[in-house]
Amino acid sequence: MARFKTLMLEYGPLALVTNYVIFGLVLVGFYAAIRLGFQPSGAGEQAGTWAAAYAASQVVKPLRLAAVFVLTPLIARIPPVARFIERNKHKWNF
């Protein structure tokens, strides 16, 4: 958690947006996979499609967070994003 806080201090809202976008993509991806015929086993069998997709997205949470730590600095190098971060860095203090 301390590592995520450091990421938040350095990149601010960009880290949160990256995290939620990746979460949304994974959740929708699992939902689509389940609707297209993937059969979850275990507790996911009894749950609804969205609940099963959420449970599956929680299983891959370490991979999602790893992607956030890798992608956030890369996204921050995009010139308009870099300018936004520089202009507003003084505003976020977590």
N, C-alpha and C. Protein backbone atom coordinates (compact mmCIF):
# COMPACT_ATOMS: atom_id res chain seq x y z
N MET A 1 0.81 -1.19 0.00
CA MET A 1 0.00 0.00 0.00
C MET A 1 0.86 1.26 0.00
N ALA A 2 2.00 1.20 0.65
CA ALA A 2 2.90 2.35 0.68
C ALA A 2 3.41 2.66 -0.72
N ARG A 3 3.61 1.63 -1.51
CA ARG A 3 4.10 1.83 -2.87
C ARG A 3 3.04 2.54 -3.72
N PHE A 4 1.76 2.18 -3.52
CA PHE A 4 0.69 2.85 -4.25
C PHE A 4 0.57 4.31 -3.82
N LYS A 5 0.78 4.58 -2.53
CA LYS A 5 0.73 5.96 -2.05
C LYS A 5 1.85 6.79 -2.67
N THR A 6 3.02 6.20 -2.81
CA THR A 6 4.13 6.89 -3.48
C THR A 6 3.78 7.18 -4.93
N LEU A 7 3.16 6.21 -5.59
CA LEU A 7 2.72 6.41 -6.97
C LEU A 7 1.70 7.53 -7.05
N MET A 8 0.79 7.58 -6.07
CA MET A 8 -0.21 8.65 -6.04
C MET A 8 0.43 10.02 -5.82
N LEU A 9 1.43 10.09 -4.96
CA LEU A 9 2.10 11.36 -4.72
C LEU A 9 2.82 11.86 -5.96
N GLU A 10 3.37 10.94 -6.72
CA GLU A 10 4.14 11.34 -7.91
C GLU A 10 3.24 11.65 -9.11
N TYR A 11 2.19 10.83 -9.32
CA TYR A 11 1.38 10.97 -10.53
C TYR A 11 -0.05 11.42 -10.28
N GLY A 12 -0.47 11.47 -9.04
CA GLY A 12 -1.78 11.98 -8.69
C GLY A 12 -2.93 11.22 -9.31
N PRO A 13 -3.89 11.95 -9.86
CA PRO A 13 -5.10 11.34 -10.40
C PRO A 13 -4.84 10.37 -11.55
N LEU A 14 -3.72 10.53 -12.23
CA LEU A 14 -3.40 9.62 -13.33
C LEU A 14 -3.30 8.18 -12.84
N ALA A 15 -2.75 7.96 -11.66
CA ALA A 15 -2.65 6.60 -11.11
C ALA A 15 -4.03 6.03 -10.82
N LEU A 16 -4.93 6.84 -10.29
CA LEU A 16 -6.29 6.38 -10.02
C LEU A 16 -7.04 6.06 -11.31
N VAL A 17 -6.94 6.95 -12.27
CA VAL A 17 -7.62 6.73 -13.54
C VAL A 17 -7.09 5.47 -14.21
N THR A 18 -5.78 5.28 -14.22
CA THR A 18 -5.19 4.08 -14.80
C THR A 18 -5.70 2.84 -14.08
N ASN A 19 -5.75 2.89 -12.76
CA ASN A 19 -6.22 1.75 -11.97
C ASN A 19 -7.67 1.41 -12.32
N TYR A 20 -8.54 2.40 -12.35
CA TYR A 20 -9.96 2.14 -12.62
C TYR A 20 -10.21 1.73 -14.07
N VAL A 21 -9.46 2.26 -15.00
CA VAL A 21 -9.63 1.85 -16.39
C VAL A 21 -9.23 0.39 -16.57
N ILE A 22 -8.11 0.01 -15.98
CA ILE A 22 -7.68 -1.39 -16.07
C ILE A 22 -8.70 -2.30 -15.38
N PHE A 23 -9.19 -1.90 -14.21
CA PHE A 23 -10.20 -2.68 -13.51
C PHE A 23 -11.45 -2.85 -14.36
N GLY A 24 -11.90 -1.76 -14.96
CA GLY A 24 -13.09 -1.83 -15.82
C GLY A 24 -12.91 -2.74 -17.01
N LEU A 25 -11.76 -2.64 -17.65
CA LEU A 25 -11.48 -3.51 -18.80
C LEU A 25 -11.45 -4.98 -18.40
N VAL A 26 -10.83 -5.27 -17.28
CA VAL A 26 -10.75 -6.66 -16.81
C VAL A 26 -12.14 -7.17 -16.44
N LEU A 27 -12.91 -6.35 -15.74
CA LEU A 27 -14.25 -6.75 -15.33
C LEU A 27 -15.14 -7.03 -16.55
N VAL A 28 -15.14 -6.12 -17.51
CA VAL A 28 -15.94 -6.31 -18.72
C VAL A 28 -15.42 -7.49 -19.53
N GLY A 29 -14.11 -7.68 -19.55
CA GLY A 29 -13.54 -8.82 -20.26
C GLY A 29 -13.99 -10.15 -19.66
N PHE A 30 -13.97 -10.24 -18.34
CA PHE A 30 -14.44 -11.46 -17.68
C PHE A 30 -15.94 -11.65 -17.89
N TYR A 31 -16.70 -10.57 -17.83
CA TYR A 31 -18.14 -10.66 -18.06
C TYR A 31 -18.41 -11.22 -19.47
N ALA A 32 -17.72 -10.65 -20.46
CA ALA A 32 -17.91 -11.11 -21.84
C ALA A 32 -17.50 -12.58 -21.98
N ALA A 33 -16.40 -12.95 -21.35
CA ALA A 33 -15.94 -14.34 -21.44
C ALA A 33 -16.96 -15.29 -20.83
N ILE A 34 -17.54 -14.91 -19.71
CA ILE A 34 -18.54 -15.76 -19.06
C ILE A 34 -19.81 -15.84 -19.92
N ARG A 35 -20.22 -14.71 -20.48
CA ARG A 35 -21.42 -14.71 -21.33
C ARG A 35 -21.20 -15.51 -22.62
N LEU A 36 -19.96 -15.57 -23.09
CA LEU A 36 -19.67 -16.29 -24.33
C LEU A 36 -19.38 -17.76 -24.11
N GLY A 37 -19.50 -18.23 -22.87
CA GLY A 37 -19.40 -19.66 -22.66
C GLY A 37 -18.36 -20.15 -21.68
N PHE A 38 -17.52 -19.27 -21.14
CA PHE A 38 -16.57 -19.71 -20.13
C PHE A 38 -17.36 -20.15 -18.90
N GLN A 39 -17.04 -21.32 -18.38
CA GLN A 39 -17.76 -21.86 -17.23
C GLN A 39 -16.90 -21.76 -15.98
N PRO A 40 -17.19 -20.79 -15.09
CA PRO A 40 -16.40 -20.71 -13.86
C PRO A 40 -16.73 -21.90 -12.96
N SER A 41 -15.74 -22.34 -12.22
CA SER A 41 -15.98 -23.44 -11.29
C SER A 41 -15.92 -22.90 -9.87
N GLY A 42 -16.47 -23.63 -8.94
CA GLY A 42 -16.45 -23.21 -7.55
C GLY A 42 -17.62 -22.31 -7.23
N ALA A 43 -17.40 -21.33 -6.38
CA ALA A 43 -18.47 -20.45 -5.92
C ALA A 43 -19.03 -19.61 -7.06
N GLY A 44 -18.24 -19.35 -8.08
CA GLY A 44 -18.69 -18.55 -9.20
C GLY A 44 -19.82 -19.19 -9.98
N GLU A 45 -19.98 -20.51 -9.87
CA GLU A 45 -21.05 -21.18 -10.59
C GLU A 45 -22.42 -20.73 -10.10
N GLN A 46 -22.56 -20.51 -8.81
CA GLN A 46 -23.84 -20.16 -8.23
C GLN A 46 -24.15 -18.67 -8.32
N ALA A 47 -23.16 -17.85 -8.54
CA ALA A 47 -23.36 -16.40 -8.56
C ALA A 47 -23.85 -15.95 -9.94
N GLY A 48 -24.31 -14.72 -10.00
CA GLY A 48 -24.70 -14.14 -11.27
C GLY A 48 -23.46 -13.85 -12.12
N THR A 49 -23.70 -13.45 -13.35
CA THR A 49 -22.60 -13.21 -14.28
C THR A 49 -21.70 -12.08 -13.80
N TRP A 50 -22.30 -10.96 -13.36
CA TRP A 50 -21.48 -9.84 -12.90
C TRP A 50 -20.72 -10.19 -11.63
N ALA A 51 -21.36 -10.93 -10.73
CA ALA A 51 -20.68 -11.34 -9.50
C ALA A 51 -19.52 -12.27 -9.79
N ALA A 52 -19.72 -13.18 -10.73
CA ALA A 52 -18.64 -14.09 -11.11
C ALA A 52 -17.50 -13.32 -11.79
N ALA A 53 -17.84 -12.34 -12.62
CA ALA A 53 -16.82 -11.53 -13.27
C ALA A 53 -16.04 -10.71 -12.24
N TYR A 54 -16.74 -10.17 -11.24
CA TYR A 54 -16.07 -9.41 -10.18
C TYR A 54 -15.14 -10.32 -9.38
N ALA A 55 -15.61 -11.52 -9.04
CA ALA A 55 -14.77 -12.46 -8.30
C ALA A 55 -13.53 -12.83 -9.10
N ALA A 56 -13.70 -13.04 -10.39
CA ALA A 56 -12.55 -13.38 -11.23
C ALA A 56 -11.58 -12.20 -11.33
N SER A 57 -12.12 -10.98 -11.37
CA SER A 57 -11.24 -9.81 -11.45
C SER A 57 -10.46 -9.62 -10.16
N GLN A 58 -11.02 -10.05 -9.03
CA GLN A 58 -10.30 -9.97 -7.77
C GLN A 58 -9.17 -11.00 -7.70
N VAL A 59 -9.35 -12.10 -8.39
CA VAL A 59 -8.31 -13.13 -8.43
C VAL A 59 -7.06 -12.60 -9.14
N VAL A 60 -7.26 -11.80 -10.17
CA VAL A 60 -6.12 -11.27 -10.94
C VAL A 60 -5.68 -9.89 -10.45
N LYS A 61 -6.09 -9.49 -9.26
CA LYS A 61 -5.76 -8.18 -8.71
C LYS A 61 -4.25 -7.90 -8.66
N PRO A 62 -3.41 -8.86 -8.24
CA PRO A 62 -1.97 -8.58 -8.25
C PRO A 62 -1.44 -8.25 -9.65
N LEU A 63 -1.97 -8.91 -10.67
CA LEU A 63 -1.55 -8.60 -12.04
C LEU A 63 -2.05 -7.23 -12.48
N ARG A 64 -3.27 -6.88 -12.06
CA ARG A 64 -3.80 -5.55 -12.38
C ARG A 64 -2.95 -4.45 -11.76
N LEU A 65 -2.60 -4.63 -10.49
CA LEU A 65 -1.79 -3.61 -9.82
C LEU A 65 -0.40 -3.52 -10.42
N ALA A 66 0.15 -4.65 -10.82
CA ALA A 66 1.45 -4.63 -11.50
C ALA A 66 1.35 -3.83 -12.79
N ALA A 67 0.25 -4.00 -13.51
CA ALA A 67 0.05 -3.24 -14.75
C ALA A 67 -0.07 -1.75 -14.46
N VAL A 68 -0.71 -1.39 -13.35
CA VAL A 68 -0.83 0.02 -12.98
C VAL A 68 0.55 0.61 -12.70
N PHE A 69 1.38 -0.13 -11.98
CA PHE A 69 2.73 0.37 -11.66
C PHE A 69 3.60 0.50 -12.90
N VAL A 70 3.37 -0.33 -13.89
CA VAL A 70 4.17 -0.27 -15.12
C VAL A 70 3.63 0.79 -16.08
N LEU A 71 2.31 0.84 -16.23
CA LEU A 71 1.72 1.73 -17.25
C LEU A 71 1.63 3.19 -16.84
N THR A 72 1.44 3.47 -15.57
CA THR A 72 1.28 4.87 -15.14
C THR A 72 2.48 5.74 -15.52
N PRO A 73 3.73 5.33 -15.22
CA PRO A 73 4.86 6.18 -15.65
C PRO A 73 4.97 6.31 -17.17
N LEU A 74 4.57 5.27 -17.90
CA LEU A 74 4.62 5.34 -19.36
C LEU A 74 3.57 6.32 -19.89
N ILE A 75 2.38 6.29 -19.33
CA ILE A 75 1.33 7.22 -19.74
C ILE A 75 1.72 8.64 -19.38
N ALA A 76 2.41 8.81 -18.25
CA ALA A 76 2.81 10.15 -17.80
C ALA A 76 3.84 10.78 -18.74
N ARG A 77 4.45 10.01 -19.60
CA ARG A 77 5.43 10.56 -20.55
C ARG A 77 4.77 11.19 -21.78
N ILE A 78 3.49 10.94 -21.98
CA ILE A 78 2.78 11.55 -23.11
C ILE A 78 2.75 13.05 -22.86
N PRO A 79 3.20 13.86 -23.82
CA PRO A 79 3.37 15.30 -23.57
C PRO A 79 2.19 16.03 -22.94
N PRO A 80 0.93 15.88 -23.42
CA PRO A 80 -0.16 16.61 -22.75
C PRO A 80 -0.37 16.15 -21.30
N VAL A 81 -0.18 14.87 -21.07
CA VAL A 81 -0.35 14.33 -19.71
C VAL A 81 0.78 14.85 -18.82
N ALA A 82 1.99 14.87 -19.34
CA ALA A 82 3.13 15.37 -18.56
C ALA A 82 2.92 16.84 -18.19
N ARG A 83 2.39 17.64 -19.12
CA ARG A 83 2.12 19.05 -18.80
C ARG A 83 1.04 19.18 -17.72
N PHE A 84 0.00 18.35 -17.81
CA PHE A 84 -1.05 18.38 -16.78
C PHE A 84 -0.48 18.05 -15.41
N ILE A 85 0.36 17.02 -15.34
CA ILE A 85 0.95 16.62 -14.06
C ILE A 85 1.82 17.74 -13.50
N GLU A 86 2.64 18.35 -14.34
CA GLU A 86 3.51 19.43 -13.87
C GLU A 86 2.73 20.64 -13.37
N ARG A 87 1.66 20.98 -14.09
CA ARG A 87 0.86 22.15 -13.69
C ARG A 87 0.10 21.91 -12.40
N ASN A 88 -0.32 20.69 -12.14
CA ASN A 88 -1.21 20.42 -11.01
C ASN A 88 -0.59 19.61 -9.89
N LYS A 89 0.69 19.32 -9.96
CA LYS A 89 1.33 18.47 -8.96
C LYS A 89 1.21 19.05 -7.55
N HIS A 90 1.22 20.35 -7.44
CA HIS A 90 1.14 20.98 -6.11
C HIS A 90 -0.25 20.85 -5.48
N LYS A 91 -1.25 20.48 -6.26
CA LYS A 91 -2.63 20.42 -5.76
C LYS A 91 -2.97 19.15 -4.99
N TRP A 92 -2.29 18.05 -5.32
CA TRP A 92 -2.64 16.81 -4.61
C TRP A 92 -1.63 16.53 -3.53
N ASN A 93 -2.15 16.25 -2.36
CA ASN A 93 -1.33 15.95 -1.20
C ASN A 93 -2.06 14.88 -0.40
N PHE A 94 -1.61 13.66 -0.57
CA PHE A 94 -2.29 12.51 0.06
C PHE A 94 -1.65 12.14 1.36
